[in-house]
Protein backbone atom coordinates (compact mmCIF):
# COMPACT_ATOMS: atom_id res chain seq x y z
CA ASP A 1 87.87 172.58 48.46
CA ARG A 2 88.92 175.21 45.97
CA ALA A 3 85.97 174.43 43.71
CA ALA A 4 83.53 174.65 46.62
CA PHE A 5 85.10 177.92 47.77
CA LEU A 6 84.92 179.41 44.26
CA ALA A 7 81.30 178.30 43.80
CA GLU A 8 80.33 179.98 47.07
CA ARG A 9 82.30 183.09 46.11
CA LYS A 10 80.50 183.21 42.76
CA LYS A 11 77.12 182.87 44.45
CA ILE A 12 77.90 185.81 46.74
CA TYR A 13 79.36 187.82 43.85
CA GLU A 14 76.17 187.32 41.81
CA GLU A 15 74.03 188.36 44.79
CA MET A 16 76.09 191.55 45.10
CA HIS A 17 76.14 192.13 41.31
CA PRO A 18 72.91 190.63 39.92
CA GLN A 19 73.58 192.19 36.51
CA THR A 20 76.47 189.73 36.03
CA LYS A 21 74.35 186.58 36.34
CA ALA A 22 74.27 184.37 33.25
CA GLY A 23 71.49 185.56 30.96
CA VAL A 24 71.15 188.98 32.60
CA ALA A 25 74.41 190.29 31.16
CA GLY A 26 73.46 189.12 27.67
CA ALA A 27 70.05 190.76 27.91
CA ASN A 28 71.69 193.99 29.07
CA ALA A 29 74.01 193.94 26.07
CA LYS A 30 71.09 193.38 23.70
CA HIS A 31 68.92 196.17 25.12
CA CYS A 32 71.56 198.73 26.11
CA GLY A 33 73.70 200.48 23.54
CA SER A 34 77.21 201.60 24.39
CA GLU A 35 75.84 205.08 25.06
CA ASN A 36 73.74 203.64 27.89
CA ILE A 37 76.64 202.28 29.92
CA ASP A 38 76.41 203.63 33.43
CA LYS A 39 79.15 203.96 36.03
CA THR A 40 77.84 200.95 38.01
CA GLY A 41 78.50 198.57 35.16
CA GLY A 42 74.89 198.09 34.06
CA SER A 43 75.68 196.85 30.55
CA ALA A 44 77.35 193.61 29.63
CA ASN A 45 80.19 195.53 27.95
CA ALA A 46 81.12 197.17 31.26
CA ILE A 47 80.84 194.00 33.32
CA VAL A 48 84.06 192.12 33.97
CA ALA A 49 83.52 188.36 34.26
CA PHE A 50 83.56 186.82 37.72
CA ALA A 51 86.25 184.34 36.67
CA GLU A 52 88.54 187.11 35.46
CA ILE A 53 88.18 189.18 38.65
CA THR A 54 88.60 186.14 40.89
CA ALA A 55 91.58 184.83 38.95
CA GLU A 56 93.32 188.16 39.32
CA LYS A 57 92.59 188.46 43.05
CA LEU A 58 93.62 184.89 43.85
CA LYS A 59 96.59 184.79 41.46
CA LEU A 60 95.10 181.93 39.44
CA SER A 61 94.46 181.62 35.75
CA ARG A 62 90.98 182.33 34.49
CA ARG A 63 90.88 178.81 33.07
CA THR A 64 91.64 177.36 36.53
CA VAL A 65 88.72 179.28 38.04
CA GLU A 66 86.34 178.32 35.23
CA SER A 67 87.42 174.67 35.38
CA ALA A 68 86.94 174.49 39.16
CA LEU A 69 83.47 176.05 38.87
CA ARG A 70 82.51 173.62 36.11
CA MET A 71 83.73 170.62 38.14
CA HIS A 72 81.83 171.80 41.22
CA ARG A 73 78.67 172.26 39.16
CA ASP A 74 78.94 168.89 37.42
CA LEU A 75 79.94 166.62 40.30
CA SER A 76 76.92 165.10 42.01
CA PRO A 77 76.41 165.92 45.71
CA GLU A 78 77.08 162.26 46.51
CA SER A 79 80.35 162.35 44.58
CA LYS A 80 81.45 165.53 46.38
CA THR A 81 80.80 163.82 49.72
CA ALA A 82 82.65 160.64 48.69
CA ILE A 83 85.64 162.59 47.36
CA ALA A 84 86.10 164.94 50.34
CA GLY A 85 89.40 164.35 52.14
CA THR A 86 90.66 161.68 49.73
CA TRP A 87 93.55 161.61 47.24
CA LEU A 88 90.98 162.29 44.54
CA ALA A 89 90.15 165.70 46.00
CA ARG A 90 93.69 166.77 45.07
CA SER A 91 93.84 165.20 41.61
CA GLY A 92 92.64 167.79 39.11
CA LYS A 93 92.73 165.58 36.00
CA ASP A 94 90.84 162.81 37.75
CA LEU A 95 88.24 165.24 39.10
CA GLU A 96 87.78 166.82 35.71
CA LEU A 97 87.27 163.43 34.05
CA LEU A 98 84.88 162.30 36.77
CA SER A 99 82.86 165.53 36.58
CA ARG A 100 82.21 164.96 32.86
CA GLN A 101 80.32 161.74 33.65
CA SER A 102 76.67 161.28 34.56
CA PRO A 103 75.87 161.03 38.30
CA GLU A 104 75.23 157.29 37.85
CA THR A 105 78.61 156.76 36.20
CA GLN A 106 80.31 158.88 38.86
CA GLU A 107 78.81 156.61 41.50
CA ARG A 108 79.95 153.41 39.71
CA VAL A 109 83.48 154.77 39.21
CA LEU A 110 83.83 155.88 42.84
CA ARG A 111 82.51 152.54 44.09
CA LEU A 112 85.04 150.68 41.91
CA ILE A 113 87.94 152.91 43.04
CA ASP A 114 86.92 152.32 46.65
CA SER A 115 86.85 148.54 46.20
CA VAL A 116 90.08 148.19 44.16
CA PRO A 117 93.02 149.67 46.13
CA ASP A 118 95.29 149.81 43.03
CA MET A 119 92.92 152.37 41.51
CA ALA A 120 93.13 154.75 44.47
CA ARG A 121 95.82 156.92 42.88
CA PRO A 122 96.18 159.52 40.13
CA GLY A 123 94.90 158.02 36.90
CA GLY A 124 92.48 155.82 38.83
CA VAL A 125 89.36 157.50 37.47
CA ALA A 126 90.38 156.70 33.88
CA MET A 127 91.13 153.09 34.82
CA ALA A 128 87.85 152.70 36.71
CA LEU A 129 85.85 154.44 33.98
CA ASN A 130 87.30 152.17 31.32
CA ARG A 131 86.69 149.09 33.44
CA THR A 132 83.04 150.07 34.05
CA GLN A 133 82.64 150.47 30.29
CA GLY A 134 84.37 147.16 29.48
CA LYS A 135 87.33 148.86 27.80
CA SER A 136 91.00 148.20 28.37
CA GLU A 137 92.90 150.64 30.54
CA PRO A 138 94.30 153.76 28.85
CA ALA A 139 97.90 153.69 27.68
CA SER A 140 98.75 157.10 29.08
CA GLY A 141 102.30 157.65 30.28
CA ALA A 142 101.29 157.76 33.93
CA THR A 143 99.19 154.60 33.69
CA LYS A 144 101.88 152.76 31.73
CA THR A 145 104.46 153.76 34.33
CA ILE A 146 102.23 152.54 37.14
CA ARG A 147 101.65 149.20 35.37
CA GLU A 148 105.40 148.76 34.77
CA PHE A 149 106.18 149.64 38.39
CA ASP A 150 103.56 147.16 39.63
CA ALA A 151 105.04 144.48 37.36
CA LEU A 152 108.54 145.14 38.75
CA LEU A 153 107.25 144.90 42.32
CA LYS A 154 105.55 141.61 41.55
CA ILE A 155 108.75 140.20 40.04
CA TRP A 156 110.82 141.49 42.97
CA ALA A 157 108.50 139.83 45.48
CA ALA A 158 108.82 136.49 43.64
CA THR A 159 112.62 136.71 43.36
CA HIS A 160 114.98 134.88 45.76
CA ALA A 161 117.46 136.87 47.89
CA PRO A 162 120.60 135.91 45.87
CA ALA A 163 119.04 137.15 42.63
CA ARG A 164 117.91 140.34 44.39
CA GLN A 165 121.47 140.89 45.59
CA LEU A 166 122.84 140.44 42.06
CA PHE A 167 120.31 142.96 40.80
CA ILE A 168 121.27 145.46 43.51
CA GLU A 169 124.95 145.03 42.61
CA HIS A 170 124.08 145.64 38.97
CA LEU A 171 122.22 148.85 39.84
CA LYS A 172 125.07 149.94 42.04
CA GLU A 173 127.69 149.41 39.33
CA LYS A 174 125.77 150.51 36.25
CA GLU A 175 123.32 153.07 37.60
CA GLY A 176 124.87 154.32 40.84
CA VAL A 177 121.50 153.91 42.51
CA CYS A 178 121.82 151.98 45.78
CA ASP A 179 123.69 152.88 48.94
CA LYS A 180 125.16 150.60 51.64
CA LYS A 181 122.29 151.16 54.12
CA LYS A 182 119.63 150.12 51.59
CA ASP A 183 121.73 147.09 50.53
CA ASP A 184 121.84 145.90 54.15
CA GLU A 185 118.06 146.34 54.56
CA VAL A 186 117.30 144.18 51.51
CA GLN A 187 119.35 141.23 52.82
């Protein structure tokens, strides 16, 4: 949503200040010396970048604005539609990684994430991208943590109640983790 908002804001800004459009500002700088700077900001030297102005007004970093604009530009229209309202719309790293792919790859990755529920979480784009390219999953901290957590859940599900109870007692004594209410729910 932020990226779409910023892209629309940039479009309006460039309509109001056509001299700031990419290419126009550079041409102005080439053909206008510093003595030709007018009060309306006609030369590139007098023009403040859209990202800088917007970042200041919205209390964001310039990099955040530039990154959002780049993602909005590089995501295919189909990807934007598929992402809207999902967990992925709020996952900056995943969006950035996805936006760096071709539209065809974006489509394959999104289709895989949609069909494999375990990938529908932060880090899912990297997992899906690697799987579509026949690579092993990345060993990032977040992905490793998710794999370890999934392994623990699988072991827990296959463990009999007495062993679970022993494990809970161990956590209670050694880690101070469990409380009475949770102990009762497990049994």
